[in-house]
Amino acid sequence: MSLHKIIVVGCGDMANIWLDYVQQRKNAKIVALVDLNEGAAIRKKEQRNLEVPVYTDLKTAILQTQATLVFDVTIPAAHKTVVSTALTNGCDVFGEKPMAENIQDAEELIKIAEATGQTYTVMQNRRYLKQIRQLHHLVQNGKIGDIKELHADFFLGPHFGGFREQMESPLIIDMAIHTFDQARFIAGCNPSSVYCYEFNPKGSWYDGNASAICIYEMENGSVFSYRGSWCAEGFPTSWESEWRVIGTKGTAKWDGFNTPSSEIVAEVSSGEFIKTTKQMSNDFQWQGREGHFGCLDEMFAGLEENRRAETDCHDNINSMKMVFAALESAKTGKKVEII
């Protein structure tokens, strides 16, 4: 198994998770830290007791260390520059979401990856939770029949302060992509259109729209609805939303905290006004690691098995399209086709 020589770009707190992971992996080694703020890179080097050089320029770092893989842990505005530089200088990339600040830049990065033959995989850590994998299994194994509807409710009241409370569309831009990506994963398909109403409710402490209602038509003929708010205090959902998936045979539910469950129509219920249902067992157990480490495991597996990882850029751009199509719909007041 070949050694992955890794450069970490972006030396904020988030980089610690990625660095923790590498420490546990025998065939991976950090060879450099890069940050426009050289002081931040030096502090991270000292904090982590790393014997590696620090740089302010990624291309120079790649050429001098002969790195093979770049971890992009920068802010979204820097992703296009970091990823394109890494790809065109012979490195694969694992990066934080979102791929870029807009669809055009994201599509350009896919073209660069294809032209260079390198891979670009995006962190979607919330796919790698035990209960999400269980819900995916419940739905995809056909126990509830063909999917007709998916519904996700997300209601929390976090007081972040800082940039999120100043964003134009904090909920959809910064958080909803997780739920949208989970919806694609659970349904096993992509959306074809969306109608979105975005608003900022009375009493909100956000400058921009902290609440939204979205209706997506999915490619398999089902409908996915999303109701969300970041200024809803009282009876909070989990950060993973509360889910109901309705199929032709029954329904699967997940409250965002406990093990998902399902009920299907009992065979003896024919002719009843409200048909009798029976609860189905859910014995599927996710064997992988959860969160960032689970996603990183899959990223490395894809790289080492010479295949696209589950959250490869070619797949992940479909979650980005859900976000930006929703924003376009909210601004125009019209249903938007997703191409």
C-alpha atoms as a PDB file:
ATOM      1  CA  MET A   1       0.000   0.000   0.000  1.00  0.00           C
ATOM      2  CA  SER A   2       1.551   3.285  -1.098  1.00  0.00           C
ATOM      3  CA  LEU A   3       2.212   6.179   1.266  1.00  0.00           C
ATOM      4  CA  HIS A   4      -0.086   9.205   0.991  1.00  0.00           C
ATOM      5  CA  LYS A   5       1.984  12.369   1.384  1.00  0.00           C
ATOM      6  CA  ILE A   6      -0.451  15.016   2.553  1.00  0.00           C
ATOM      7  CA  ILE A   7      -0.476  18.801   2.640  1.00  0.00           C
ATOM      8  CA  VAL A   8      -3.057  20.424   4.901  1.00  0.00           C
ATOM      9  CA  VAL A   9      -4.278  23.789   3.617  1.00  0.00           C
ATOM     10  CA  GLY A  10      -6.062  25.934   6.191  1.00  0.00           C
ATOM     11  CA  CYS A  11      -4.810  25.803   9.764  1.00  0.00           C
ATOM     12  CA  GLY A  12      -7.930  26.676  11.753  1.00  0.00           C
ATOM     13  CA  ASP A  13      -9.619  24.518  14.371  1.00  0.00           C
ATOM     14  CA  MET A  14     -11.282  22.264  11.781  1.00  0.00           C
ATOM     15  CA  ALA A  15      -7.867  21.067  10.641  1.00  0.00           C
ATOM     16  CA  ASN A  16      -7.439  19.263  13.975  1.00  0.00           C
ATOM     17  CA  ILE A  17     -10.034  16.633  13.033  1.00  0.00           C
ATOM     18  CA  TRP A  18      -8.207  15.866   9.788  1.00  0.00           C
ATOM     19  CA  LEU A  19      -4.839  15.790  11.553  1.00  0.00           C
ATOM     20  CA  ASP A  20      -6.206  13.455  14.246  1.00  0.00           C
ATOM     21  CA  TYR A  21      -7.306  11.092  11.511  1.00  0.00           C
ATOM     22  CA  VAL A  22      -3.917  10.983   9.789  1.00  0.00           C
ATOM     23  CA  GLN A  23      -2.219  10.132  13.083  1.00  0.00           C
ATOM     24  CA  GLN A  24      -4.252   6.913  13.138  1.00  0.00           C
ATOM     25  CA  ARG A  25      -3.469   5.921   9.548  1.00  0.00           C
ATOM     26  CA  LYS A  26      -0.301   3.948   8.899  1.00  0.00           C
ATOM     27  CA  ASN A  27      -0.005   4.777   5.193  1.00  0.00           C
ATOM     28  CA  ALA A  28      -0.532   8.553   5.476  1.00  0.00           C
ATOM     29  CA  LYS A  29       1.891  11.288   6.465  1.00  0.00           C
ATOM     30  CA  ILE A  30       1.608  15.063   6.788  1.00  0.00           C
ATOM     31  CA  VAL A  31       4.435  16.644   4.767  1.00  0.00           C
ATOM     32  CA  ALA A  32       3.508  20.354   4.991  1.00  0.00           C
ATOM     33  CA  LEU A  33       1.077  22.928   6.366  1.00  0.00           C
ATOM     34  CA  VAL A  34      -0.136  25.794   4.196  1.00  0.00           C
ATOM     35  CA  ASP A  35      -1.951  28.959   5.214  1.00  0.00           C
ATOM     36  CA  LEU A  36      -1.994  32.486   3.801  1.00  0.00           C
ATOM     37  CA  ASN A  37      -1.392  33.514   7.403  1.00  0.00           C
ATOM     38  CA  GLU A  38       2.037  32.020   8.013  1.00  0.00           C
ATOM     39  CA  GLY A  39       1.631  32.583  11.751  1.00  0.00           C
ATOM     40  CA  ALA A  40      -1.438  30.335  11.803  1.00  0.00           C
ATOM     41  CA  ALA A  41       0.533  27.549  10.129  1.00  0.00           C
ATOM     42  CA  ILE A  42       3.420  27.947  12.552  1.00  0.00           C
ATOM     43  CA  ARG A  43       1.070  27.851  15.546  1.00  0.00           C
ATOM     44  CA  LYS A  44      -0.612  24.711  14.215  1.00  0.00           C
ATOM     45  CA  LYS A  45       2.781  23.081  13.668  1.00  0.00           C
ATOM     46  CA  GLU A  46       3.795  23.838  17.250  1.00  0.00           C
ATOM     47  CA  GLN A  47       0.416  22.893  18.685  1.00  0.00           C
ATOM     48  CA  ARG A  48       0.508  19.499  16.969  1.00  0.00           C
ATOM     49  CA  ASN A  49       4.266  18.891  17.427  1.00  0.00           C
ATOM     50  CA  LEU A  50       4.709  18.422  13.692  1.00  0.00           C
ATOM     51  CA  GLU A  51       8.180  18.343  12.131  1.00  0.00           C
ATOM     52  CA  VAL A  52       7.071  19.699   8.763  1.00  0.00           C
ATOM     53  CA  PRO A  53       7.713  22.871   6.751  1.00  0.00           C
ATOM     54  CA  VAL A  54       5.092  25.623   6.550  1.00  0.00           C
ATOM     55  CA  TYR A  55       4.210  27.586   3.424  1.00  0.00           C
ATOM     56  CA  THR A  56       1.958  30.404   2.305  1.00  0.00           C
ATOM     57  CA  ASP A  57       1.878  29.162  -1.309  1.00  0.00           C
ATOM     58  CA  LEU A  58       0.352  25.773  -2.135  1.00  0.00           C
ATOM     59  CA  LYS A  59       2.069  25.233  -5.491  1.00  0.00           C
ATOM     60  CA  THR A  60       5.486  25.767  -3.933  1.00  0.00           C
ATOM     61  CA  ALA A  61       4.607  23.373  -1.125  1.00  0.00           C
ATOM     62  CA  ILE A  62       3.561  20.644  -3.591  1.00  0.00           C
ATOM     63  CA  LEU A  63       6.672  20.987  -5.721  1.00  0.00           C
ATOM     64  CA  GLN A  64       9.063  20.993  -2.770  1.00  0.00           C
ATOM     65  CA  THR A  65       7.459  18.144  -0.801  1.00  0.00           C
ATOM     66  CA  GLN A  66       6.275  15.967  -3.717  1.00  0.00           C
ATOM     67  CA  ALA A  67       2.907  15.649  -2.014  1.00  0.00           C
ATOM     68  CA  THR A  68       0.274  13.336  -3.480  1.00  0.00           C
ATOM     69  CA  LEU A  69      -2.827  14.486  -1.582  1.00  0.00           C
ATOM     70  CA  VAL A  70      -4.168  17.853  -0.395  1.00  0.00           C
ATOM     71  CA  PHE A  71      -6.609  18.365   2.463  1.00  0.00           C
ATOM     72  CA  ASP A  72      -8.533  21.572   1.757  1.00  0.00           C
ATOM     73  CA  VAL A  73      -9.790  22.833   5.112  1.00  0.00           C
ATOM     74  CA  THR A  74     -10.100  26.475   4.035  1.00  0.00           C
ATOM     75  CA  ILE A  75     -13.117  28.787   3.907  1.00  0.00           C
ATOM     76  CA  PRO A  76     -15.531  28.273   0.965  1.00  0.00           C
ATOM     77  CA  ALA A  77     -14.244  31.371  -0.857  1.00  0.00           C
ATOM     78  CA  ALA A  78     -10.800  29.742  -1.143  1.00  0.00           C
ATOM     79  CA  HIS A  79     -11.908  26.313  -2.343  1.00  0.00           C
ATOM     80  CA  LYS A  80     -11.745  26.985  -6.088  1.00  0.00           C
ATOM     81  CA  THR A  81      -8.178  28.309  -5.919  1.00  0.00           C
ATOM     82  CA  VAL A  82      -6.919  25.623  -3.539  1.00  0.00           C
ATOM     83  CA  VAL A  83      -8.532  22.688  -5.331  1.00  0.00           C
ATOM     84  CA  SER A  84      -7.594  23.812  -8.860  1.00  0.00           C
ATOM     85  CA  THR A  85      -3.990  24.431  -7.796  1.00  0.00           C
ATOM     86  CA  ALA A  86      -3.743  21.012  -6.182  1.00  0.00           C
ATOM     87  CA  LEU A  87      -5.315  19.153  -9.102  1.00  0.00           C
ATOM     88  CA  THR A  88      -3.214  20.848 -11.774  1.00  0.00           C
ATOM     89  CA  ASN A  89      -0.046  20.099  -9.824  1.00  0.00           C
ATOM     90  CA  GLY A  90      -0.657  16.360  -9.577  1.00  0.00           C
ATOM     91  CA  CYS A  91      -2.467  15.992  -6.252  1.00  0.00           C
ATOM     92  CA  ASP A  92      -5.769  14.404  -5.368  1.00  0.00           C
ATOM     93  CA  VAL A  93      -7.950  16.500  -3.067  1.00  0.00           C
ATOM     94  CA  PHE A  94     -10.151  15.826  -0.050  1.00  0.00           C
ATOM     95  CA  GLY A  95     -12.006  19.020   0.832  1.00  0.00           C
ATOM     96  CA  GLU A  96     -14.530  20.501   3.197  1.00  0.00           C
ATOM     97  CA  LYS A  97     -17.979  21.286   1.853  1.00  0.00           C
ATOM     98  CA  PRO A  98     -19.170  23.149  -0.120  1.00  0.00           C
ATOM     99  CA  MET A  99     -17.215  22.434  -3.293  1.00  0.00           C
ATOM    100  CA  ALA A 100     -17.228  26.123  -4.185  1.00  0.00           C
ATOM    101  CA  GLU A 101     -19.183  29.321  -3.663  1.00  0.00           C
ATOM    102  CA  ASN A 102     -21.306  28.769  -6.787  1.00  0.00           C
ATOM    103  CA  ILE A 103     -22.288  26.085  -9.277  1.00  0.00           C
ATOM    104  CA  GLN A 104     -20.151  27.500 -12.072  1.00  0.00           C
ATOM    105  CA  ASP A 105     -16.955  27.202 -10.026  1.00  0.00           C
ATOM    106  CA  ALA A 106     -17.911  23.716  -8.854  1.00  0.00           C
ATOM    107  CA  GLU A 107     -18.515  22.534 -12.418  1.00  0.00           C
ATOM    108  CA  GLU A 108     -15.161  23.997 -13.457  1.00  0.00           C
ATOM    109  CA  LEU A 109     -13.418  22.022 -10.704  1.00  0.00           C
ATOM    110  CA  ILE A 110     -15.013  18.811 -11.996  1.00  0.00           C
ATOM    111  CA  LYS A 111     -13.668  19.567 -15.478  1.00  0.00           C
ATOM    112  CA  ILE A 112     -10.199  20.171 -14.054  1.00  0.00           C
ATOM    113  CA  ALA A 113     -10.330  16.882 -12.146  1.00  0.00           C
ATOM    114  CA  GLU A 114     -11.330  15.041 -15.328  1.00  0.00           C
ATOM    115  CA  ALA A 115      -8.657  16.776 -17.422  1.00  0.00           C
ATOM    116  CA  THR A 116      -5.884  16.048 -14.919  1.00  0.00           C
ATOM    117  CA  GLY A 117      -6.982  12.541 -14.002  1.00  0.00           C
ATOM    118  CA  GLN A 118      -6.956  13.459 -10.317  1.00  0.00           C
ATOM    119  CA  THR A 119      -9.825  13.003  -7.858  1.00  0.00           C
ATOM    120  CA  TYR A 120     -11.679  15.577  -5.777  1.00  0.00           C
ATOM    121  CA  THR A 121     -13.790  14.247  -2.922  1.00  0.00           C
ATOM    122  CA  VAL A 122     -15.938  16.339  -0.580  1.00  0.00           C
ATOM    123  CA  MET A 123     -16.519  15.954   3.148  1.00  0.00           C
ATOM    124  CA  GLN A 124     -20.151  15.054   3.935  1.00  0.00           C
ATOM    125  CA  ASN A 125     -19.651  13.768   7.446  1.00  0.00           C
ATOM    126  CA  ARG A 126     -23.364  13.596   8.258  1.00  0.00           C
ATOM    127  CA  ARG A 127     -23.841  10.752   5.776  1.00  0.00           C
ATOM    128  CA  TYR A 128     -21.660   8.690   8.064  1.00  0.00           C
ATOM    129  CA  LEU A 129     -23.897   8.347  11.084  1.00  0.00           C
ATOM    130  CA  LYS A 130     -25.196   4.968  12.196  1.00  0.00           C
ATOM    131  CA  GLN A 131     -28.854   5.979  12.078  1.00  0.00           C
ATOM    132  CA  ILE A 132     -28.627   7.561   8.623  1.00  0.00           C
ATOM    133  CA  ARG A 133     -27.061   4.387   7.268  1.00  0.00           C
ATOM    134  CA  GLN A 134     -29.832   2.375   8.965  1.00  0.00           C
ATOM    135  CA  LEU A 135     -32.552   4.578   7.465  1.00  0.00           C
ATOM    136  CA  HIS A 136     -30.928   4.321   4.041  1.00  0.00           C
ATOM    137  CA  HIS A 137     -30.917   0.529   4.381  1.00  0.00           C
ATOM    138  CA  LEU A 138     -34.573   0.433   5.498  1.00  0.00           C
ATOM    139  CA  VAL A 139     -35.632   2.422   2.455  1.00  0.00           C
ATOM    140  CA  GLN A 140     -33.343   0.899  -0.146  1.00  0.00           C
ATOM    141  CA  ASN A 141     -33.954  -2.752   0.771  1.00  0.00           C
ATOM    142  CA  GLY A 142     -37.567  -2.420  -0.371  1.00  0.00           C
ATOM    143  CA  LYS A 143     -39.235  -3.138   2.972  1.00  0.00           C
ATOM    144  CA  ILE A 144     -41.565  -0.141   2.639  1.00  0.00           C
ATOM    145  CA  GLY A 145     -41.947  -0.573  -1.124  1.00  0.00           C
ATOM    146  CA  ASP A 146     -41.219   2.096  -3.697  1.00  0.00           C
ATOM    147  CA  ILE A 147     -40.618   5.561  -2.269  1.00  0.00           C
ATOM    148  CA  LYS A 148     -43.505   8.002  -2.668  1.00  0.00           C
ATOM    149  CA  GLU A 149     -42.615  10.816  -0.268  1.00  0.00           C
ATOM    150  CA  LEU A 150     -39.735  11.975   1.928  1.00  0.00           C
ATOM    151  CA  HIS A 151     -40.196  14.633   4.621  1.00  0.00           C
ATOM    152  CA  ALA A 152     -37.558  16.286   6.795  1.00  0.00           C
ATOM    153  CA  ASP A 153     -38.212  18.769   9.611  1.00  0.00           C
ATOM    154  CA  PHE A 154     -35.336  20.806  11.036  1.00  0.00           C
ATOM    155  CA  PHE A 155     -36.087  23.222  13.882  1.00  0.00           C
ATOM    156  CA  LEU A 156     -33.367  24.664  16.110  1.00  0.00           C
ATOM    157  CA  GLY A 157     -32.569  28.045  17.640  1.00  0.00           C
ATOM    158  CA  PRO A 158     -28.768  28.427  17.770  1.00  0.00           C
ATOM    159  CA  HIS A 159     -27.325  31.838  18.635  1.00  0.00           C
ATOM    160  CA  PHE A 160     -24.083  31.650  16.692  1.00  0.00           C
ATOM    161  CA  GLY A 161     -23.142  35.297  16.560  1.00  0.00           C
ATOM    162  CA  GLY A 162     -20.614  36.184  13.880  1.00  0.00           C
ATOM    163  CA  PHE A 163     -20.905  35.640  10.139  1.00  0.00           C
ATOM    164  CA  ARG A 164     -23.875  33.247  10.133  1.00  0.00           C
ATOM    165  CA  GLU A 165     -26.161  35.850  11.667  1.00  0.00           C
ATOM    166  CA  GLN A 166     -25.113  38.272   8.931  1.00  0.00           C
ATOM    167  CA  MET A 167     -25.571  35.952   5.938  1.00  0.00           C
ATOM    168  CA  GLU A 168     -28.334  36.538   3.398  1.00  0.00           C
ATOM    169  CA  SER A 169     -29.477  32.888   3.500  1.00  0.00           C
ATOM    170  CA  PRO A 170     -27.851  31.278   6.553  1.00  0.00           C
ATOM    171  CA  LEU A 171     -30.064  28.201   6.842  1.00  0.00           C
ATOM    172  CA  ILE A 172     -29.977  27.070   3.227  1.00  0.00           C
ATOM    173  CA  ILE A 173     -26.378  28.033   2.494  1.00  0.00           C
ATOM    174  CA  ASP A 174     -24.699  26.876   5.686  1.00  0.00           C
ATOM    175  CA  MET A 175     -26.851  24.013   6.999  1.00  0.00           C
ATOM    176  CA  ALA A 176     -29.479  22.681   4.596  1.00  0.00           C
ATOM    177  CA  ILE A 177     -26.905  21.128   2.265  1.00  0.00           C
ATOM    178  CA  HIS A 178     -26.419  18.422   4.917  1.00  0.00           C
ATOM    179  CA  THR A 179     -30.128  17.550   4.937  1.00  0.00           C
ATOM    180  CA  PHE A 180     -30.368  17.811   1.149  1.00  0.00           C
ATOM    181  CA  ASP A 181     -27.384  15.478   0.752  1.00  0.00           C
ATOM    182  CA  GLN A 182     -28.979  13.035   3.198  1.00  0.00           C
ATOM    183  CA  ALA A 183     -32.230  13.149   1.200  1.00  0.00           C
ATOM    184  CA  ARG A 184     -30.381  12.187  -1.976  1.00  0.00           C
ATOM    185  CA  PHE A 185     -28.640   9.370  -0.114  1.00  0.00           C
ATOM    186  CA  ILE A 186     -31.845   8.031   1.455  1.00  0.00           C
ATOM    187  CA  ALA A 187     -33.851   8.265  -1.779  1.00  0.00           C
ATOM    188  CA  GLY A 188     -31.037   6.911  -3.927  1.00  0.00           C
ATOM    189  CA  CYS A 189     -31.598   9.517  -6.613  1.00  0.00           C
ATOM    190  CA  ASN A 190     -31.261  13.201  -7.472  1.00  0.00           C
ATOM    191  CA  PRO A 191     -33.889  15.979  -7.622  1.00  0.00           C
ATOM    192  CA  SER A 192     -35.361  17.269 -10.865  1.00  0.00           C
ATOM    193  CA  SER A 193     -37.015  20.497  -9.640  1.00  0.00           C
ATOM    194  CA  VAL A 194     -37.632  22.634  -6.555  1.00  0.00           C
ATOM    195  CA  TYR A 195     -39.997  25.280  -5.274  1.00  0.00           C
ATOM    196  CA  CYS A 196     -38.675  27.167  -2.267  1.00  0.00           C
ATOM    197  CA  TYR A 197     -40.134  29.848  -0.011  1.00  0.00           C
ATOM    198  CA  GLU A 198     -37.455  31.444   2.153  1.00  0.00           C
ATOM    199  CA  PHE A 199     -38.231  33.948   4.906  1.00  0.00           C
ATOM    200  CA  ASN A 200     -37.047  35.535   8.142  1.00  0.00           C
ATOM    201  CA  PRO A 201     -39.672  35.171  10.889  1.00  0.00           C
ATOM    202  CA  LYS A 202     -40.670  37.729  13.477  1.00  0.00           C
ATOM    203  CA  GLY A 203     -38.229  37.871  16.367  1.00  0.00           C
ATOM    204  CA  SER A 204     -35.365  36.417  14.351  1.00  0.00           C
ATOM    205  CA  TRP A 205     -31.850  37.376  15.462  1.00  0.00           C
ATOM    206  CA  TYR A 206     -30.521  36.773  11.944  1.00  0.00           C
ATOM    207  CA  ASP A 207     -30.138  39.515   9.325  1.00  0.00           C
ATOM    208  CA  GLY A 208     -30.974  37.115   6.485  1.00  0.00           C
ATOM    209  CA  ASN A 209     -33.609  34.454   5.945  1.00  0.00           C
ATOM    210  CA  ALA A 210     -33.336  31.907   8.747  1.00  0.00           C
ATOM    211  CA  SER A 211     -36.331  29.767   7.732  1.00  0.00           C
ATOM    212  CA  ALA A 212     -37.376  27.958   4.555  1.00  0.00           C
ATOM    213  CA  ILE A 213     -39.870  25.525   3.084  1.00  0.00           C
ATOM    214  CA  CYS A 214     -38.723  23.543   0.032  1.00  0.00           C
ATOM    215  CA  ILE A 215     -40.529  21.055  -2.188  1.00  0.00           C
ATOM    216  CA  TYR A 216     -38.343  18.913  -4.439  1.00  0.00           C
ATOM    217  CA  GLU A 217     -39.529  16.605  -7.186  1.00  0.00           C
ATOM    218  CA  MET A 218     -37.142  13.648  -7.342  1.00  0.00           C
ATOM    219  CA  GLU A 219     -36.042  11.691 -10.410  1.00  0.00           C
ATOM    220  CA  ASN A 220     -37.742   8.516  -9.154  1.00  0.00           C
ATOM    221  CA  GLY A 221     -41.144  10.272  -9.049  1.00  0.00           C
ATOM    222  CA  SER A 222     -41.170  10.854  -5.294  1.00  0.00           C
ATOM    223  CA  VAL A 223     -41.457  14.233  -3.575  1.00  0.00           C
ATOM    224  CA  PHE A 224     -39.093  15.494  -0.865  1.00  0.00           C
ATOM    225  CA  SER A 225     -40.269  18.273   1.436  1.00  0.00           C
ATOM    226  CA  TYR A 226     -38.008  20.256   3.752  1.00  0.00           C
ATOM    227  CA  ARG A 227     -39.208  22.524   6.544  1.00  0.00           C
ATOM    228  CA  GLY A 228     -36.422  24.243   8.404  1.00  0.00           C
ATOM    229  CA  SER A 229     -35.653  27.066  10.788  1.00  0.00           C
ATOM    230  CA  TRP A 230     -32.599  28.279  12.661  1.00  0.00           C
ATOM    231  CA  CYS A 231     -34.599  30.576  14.914  1.00  0.00           C
ATOM    232  CA  ALA A 232     -37.089  28.068  16.354  1.00  0.00           C
ATOM    233  CA  GLU A 233     -36.805  27.833  20.125  1.00  0.00           C
ATOM    234  CA  GLY A 234     -38.637  25.073  21.949  1.00  0.00           C
ATOM    235  CA  PHE A 235     -39.115  21.389  21.028  1.00  0.00           C
ATOM    236  CA  PRO A 236     -35.869  21.252  19.023  1.00  0.00           C
ATOM    237  CA  THR A 237     -35.241  18.554  16.454  1.00  0.00           C
ATOM    238  CA  SER A 238     -31.812  16.991  16.202  1.00  0.00           C
ATOM    239  CA  TRP A 239     -29.209  18.494  13.881  1.00  0.00           C
ATOM    240  CA  GLU A 240     -29.988  15.573  11.557  1.00  0.00           C
ATOM    241  CA  SER A 241     -33.678  16.552  11.189  1.00  0.00           C
ATOM    242  CA  GLU A 242     -36.745  14.445  11.871  1.00  0.00           C
ATOM    243  CA  TRP A 243     -37.558  12.141   8.944  1.00  0.00           C
ATOM    244  CA  ARG A 244     -40.587  10.329   7.531  1.00  0.00           C
ATOM    245  CA  VAL A 245     -40.258   8.276   4.341  1.00  0.00           C
ATOM    246  CA  ILE A 246     -43.490   6.924   2.853  1.00  0.00           C
ATOM    247  CA  GLY A 247     -43.474   3.979   0.469  1.00  0.00           C
ATOM    248  CA  THR A 248     -46.050   1.916  -1.373  1.00  0.00           C
ATOM    249  CA  LYS A 249     -46.036  -0.711   1.402  1.00  0.00           C
ATOM    250  CA  GLY A 250     -45.555   1.407   4.514  1.00  0.00           C
ATOM    251  CA  THR A 251     -43.495   4.100   6.259  1.00  0.00           C
ATOM    252  CA  ALA A 252     -40.040   4.498   7.770  1.00  0.00           C
ATOM    253  CA  LYS A 253     -39.410   7.091  10.489  1.00  0.00           C
ATOM    254  CA  TRP A 254     -36.391   8.527  12.242  1.00  0.00           C
ATOM    255  CA  ASP A 255     -36.575  11.168  14.963  1.00  0.00           C
ATOM    256  CA  GLY A 256     -32.945  12.174  14.445  1.00  0.00           C
ATOM    257  CA  PHE A 257     -31.860  10.662  17.753  1.00  0.00           C
ATOM    258  CA  ASN A 258     -32.861   7.015  18.116  1.00  0.00           C
ATOM    259  CA  THR A 259     -32.869   3.967  15.847  1.00  0.00           C
ATOM    260  CA  PRO A 260     -35.077   4.351  12.736  1.00  0.00           C
ATOM    261  CA  SER A 261     -38.211   2.227  12.611  1.00  0.00           C
ATOM    262  CA  SER A 262     -40.727   1.152   9.982  1.00  0.00           C
ATOM    263  CA  GLU A 263     -44.270  -0.139   9.670  1.00  0.00           C
ATOM    264  CA  ILE A 264     -45.858  -1.864   6.698  1.00  0.00           C
ATOM    265  CA  VAL A 265     -49.437  -2.830   5.926  1.00  0.00           C
ATOM    266  CA  ALA A 266     -50.270  -6.241   7.344  1.00  0.00           C
ATOM    267  CA  GLU A 267     -51.435  -8.924   4.936  1.00  0.00           C
ATOM    268  CA  VAL A 268     -54.678  -9.426   6.913  1.00  0.00           C
ATOM    269  CA  SER A 269     -55.749  -5.797   6.545  1.00  0.00           C
ATOM    270  CA  SER A 270     -57.516  -5.934   3.159  1.00  0.00           C
ATOM    271  CA  GLY A 271     -60.893  -4.185   3.132  1.00  0.00           C
ATOM    272  CA  GLU A 272     -60.261  -2.134   6.277  1.00  0.00           C
ATOM    273  CA  PHE A 273     -60.932   1.615   6.289  1.00  0.00           C
ATOM    274  CA  ILE A 274     -57.598   2.254   8.042  1.00  0.00           C
ATOM    275  CA  LYS A 275     -55.448  -0.748   7.296  1.00  0.00           C
ATOM    276  CA  THR A 276     -53.665  -2.590  10.070  1.00  0.00           C
ATOM    277  CA  THR A 277     -49.915  -2.212  10.086  1.00  0.00           C
ATOM    278  CA  LYS A 278     -47.102  -4.178  11.655  1.00  0.00           C
ATOM    279  CA  GLN A 279     -43.707  -2.966  12.794  1.00  0.00           C
ATOM    280  CA  MET A 280     -40.716  -4.346  10.969  1.00  0.00           C
ATOM    281  CA  SER A 281     -37.449  -5.302  12.618  1.00  0.00           C
ATOM    282  CA  ASN A 282     -34.368  -3.247  11.837  1.00  0.00           C
ATOM    283  CA  ASP A 283     -31.366  -5.471  12.385  1.00  0.00           C
ATOM    284  CA  PHE A 284     -28.986  -3.612  10.069  1.00  0.00           C
ATOM    285  CA  GLN A 285     -25.898  -2.359  11.886  1.00  0.00           C
ATOM    286  CA  TRP A 286     -23.466   0.111  10.342  1.00  0.00           C
ATOM    287  CA  GLN A 287     -19.997  -1.330  10.777  1.00  0.00           C
ATOM    288  CA  GLY A 288     -18.053   1.729   9.722  1.00  0.00           C
ATOM    289  CA  ARG A 289     -16.858   4.670  11.769  1.00  0.00           C
ATOM    290  CA  GLU A 290     -19.080   7.701  12.164  1.00  0.00           C
ATOM    291  CA  GLY A 291     -18.747  11.358  11.235  1.00  0.00           C
ATOM    292  CA  HIS A 292     -15.577  12.811   9.721  1.00  0.00           C
ATOM    293  CA  PHE A 293     -13.568   9.625  10.274  1.00  0.00           C
ATOM    294  CA  GLY A 294     -16.182   7.529   8.482  1.00  0.00           C
ATOM    295  CA  CYS A 295     -16.171   9.853   5.503  1.00  0.00           C
ATOM    296  CA  LEU A 296     -12.369   9.964   5.443  1.00  0.00           C
ATOM    297  CA  ASP A 297     -12.262   6.154   5.548  1.00  0.00           C
ATOM    298  CA  GLU A 298     -14.434   6.084   2.422  1.00  0.00           C
ATOM    299  CA  MET A 299     -12.370   8.825   0.754  1.00  0.00           C
ATOM    300  CA  PHE A 300      -9.163   6.831   1.215  1.00  0.00           C
ATOM    301  CA  ALA A 301     -10.874   3.581   0.189  1.00  0.00           C
ATOM    302  CA  GLY A 302     -11.967   5.163  -3.083  1.00  0.00           C
ATOM    303  CA  LEU A 303      -8.470   6.454  -3.742  1.00  0.00           C
ATOM    304  CA  GLU A 304      -6.778   3.147  -2.955  1.00  0.00           C
ATOM    305  CA  GLU A 305      -9.319   1.038  -4.851  1.00  0.00           C
ATOM    306  CA  ASN A 306      -9.094   3.334  -7.895  1.00  0.00           C
ATOM    307  CA  ARG A 307     -12.794   4.220  -7.824  1.00  0.00           C
ATOM    308  CA  ARG A 308     -14.875   7.280  -7.087  1.00  0.00           C
ATOM    309  CA  ALA A 309     -15.661   7.624  -3.404  1.00  0.00           C
ATOM    310  CA  GLU A 310     -19.276   7.997  -2.308  1.00  0.00           C
ATOM    311  CA  THR A 311     -18.891  11.773  -1.929  1.00  0.00           C
ATOM    312  CA  ASP A 312     -16.779  12.334  -5.043  1.00  0.00           C
ATOM    313  CA  CYS A 313     -17.293  15.734  -6.666  1.00  0.00           C
ATOM    314  CA  HIS A 314     -19.289  14.185  -9.522  1.00  0.00           C
ATOM    315  CA  ASP A 315     -21.889  13.093  -6.973  1.00  0.00           C
ATOM    316  CA  ASN A 316     -21.598  15.925  -4.476  1.00  0.00           C
ATOM    317  CA  ILE A 317     -22.368  18.639  -7.006  1.00  0.00           C
ATOM    318  CA  ASN A 318     -25.954  17.351  -7.021  1.00  0.00           C
ATOM    319  CA  SER A 319     -26.303  18.418  -3.379  1.00  0.00           C
ATOM    320  CA  MET A 320     -24.906  21.838  -4.285  1.00  0.00           C
ATOM    321  CA  LYS A 321     -27.441  22.105  -7.100  1.00  0.00           C
ATOM    322  CA  MET A 322     -30.224  21.559  -4.559  1.00  0.00           C
ATOM    323  CA  VAL A 323     -28.972  24.536  -2.548  1.00  0.00           C
ATOM    324  CA  PHE A 324     -28.540  26.992  -5.378  1.00  0.00           C
ATOM    325  CA  ALA A 325     -31.742  25.956  -7.176  1.00  0.00           C
ATOM    326  CA  ALA A 326     -33.635  26.535  -3.913  1.00  0.00           C
ATOM    327  CA  LEU A 327     -32.131  30.020  -3.602  1.00  0.00           C
ATOM    328  CA  GLU A 328     -33.045  30.807  -7.205  1.00  0.00           C
ATOM    329  CA  SER A 329     -36.602  29.628  -6.619  1.00  0.00           C
ATOM    330  CA  ALA A 330     -36.900  31.734  -3.469  1.00  0.00           C
ATOM    331  CA  LYS A 331     -35.703  34.837  -5.327  1.00  0.00           C
ATOM    332  CA  THR A 332     -37.907  34.355  -8.384  1.00  0.00           C
ATOM    333  CA  GLY A 333     -40.950  32.877  -6.676  1.00  0.00           C
ATOM    334  CA  LYS A 334     -41.037  30.137  -9.317  1.00  0.00           C
ATOM    335  CA  LYS A 335     -40.344  26.421  -9.534  1.00  0.00           C
ATOM    336  CA  VAL A 336     -36.810  25.828 -10.792  1.00  0.00           C
ATOM    337  CA  GLU A 337     -35.755  22.862 -12.912  1.00  0.00           C
ATOM    338  CA  ILE A 338     -32.529  21.208 -11.737  1.00  0.00           C
ATOM    339  CA  ILE A 339     -30.315  20.124 -14.626  1.00  0.00           C
END
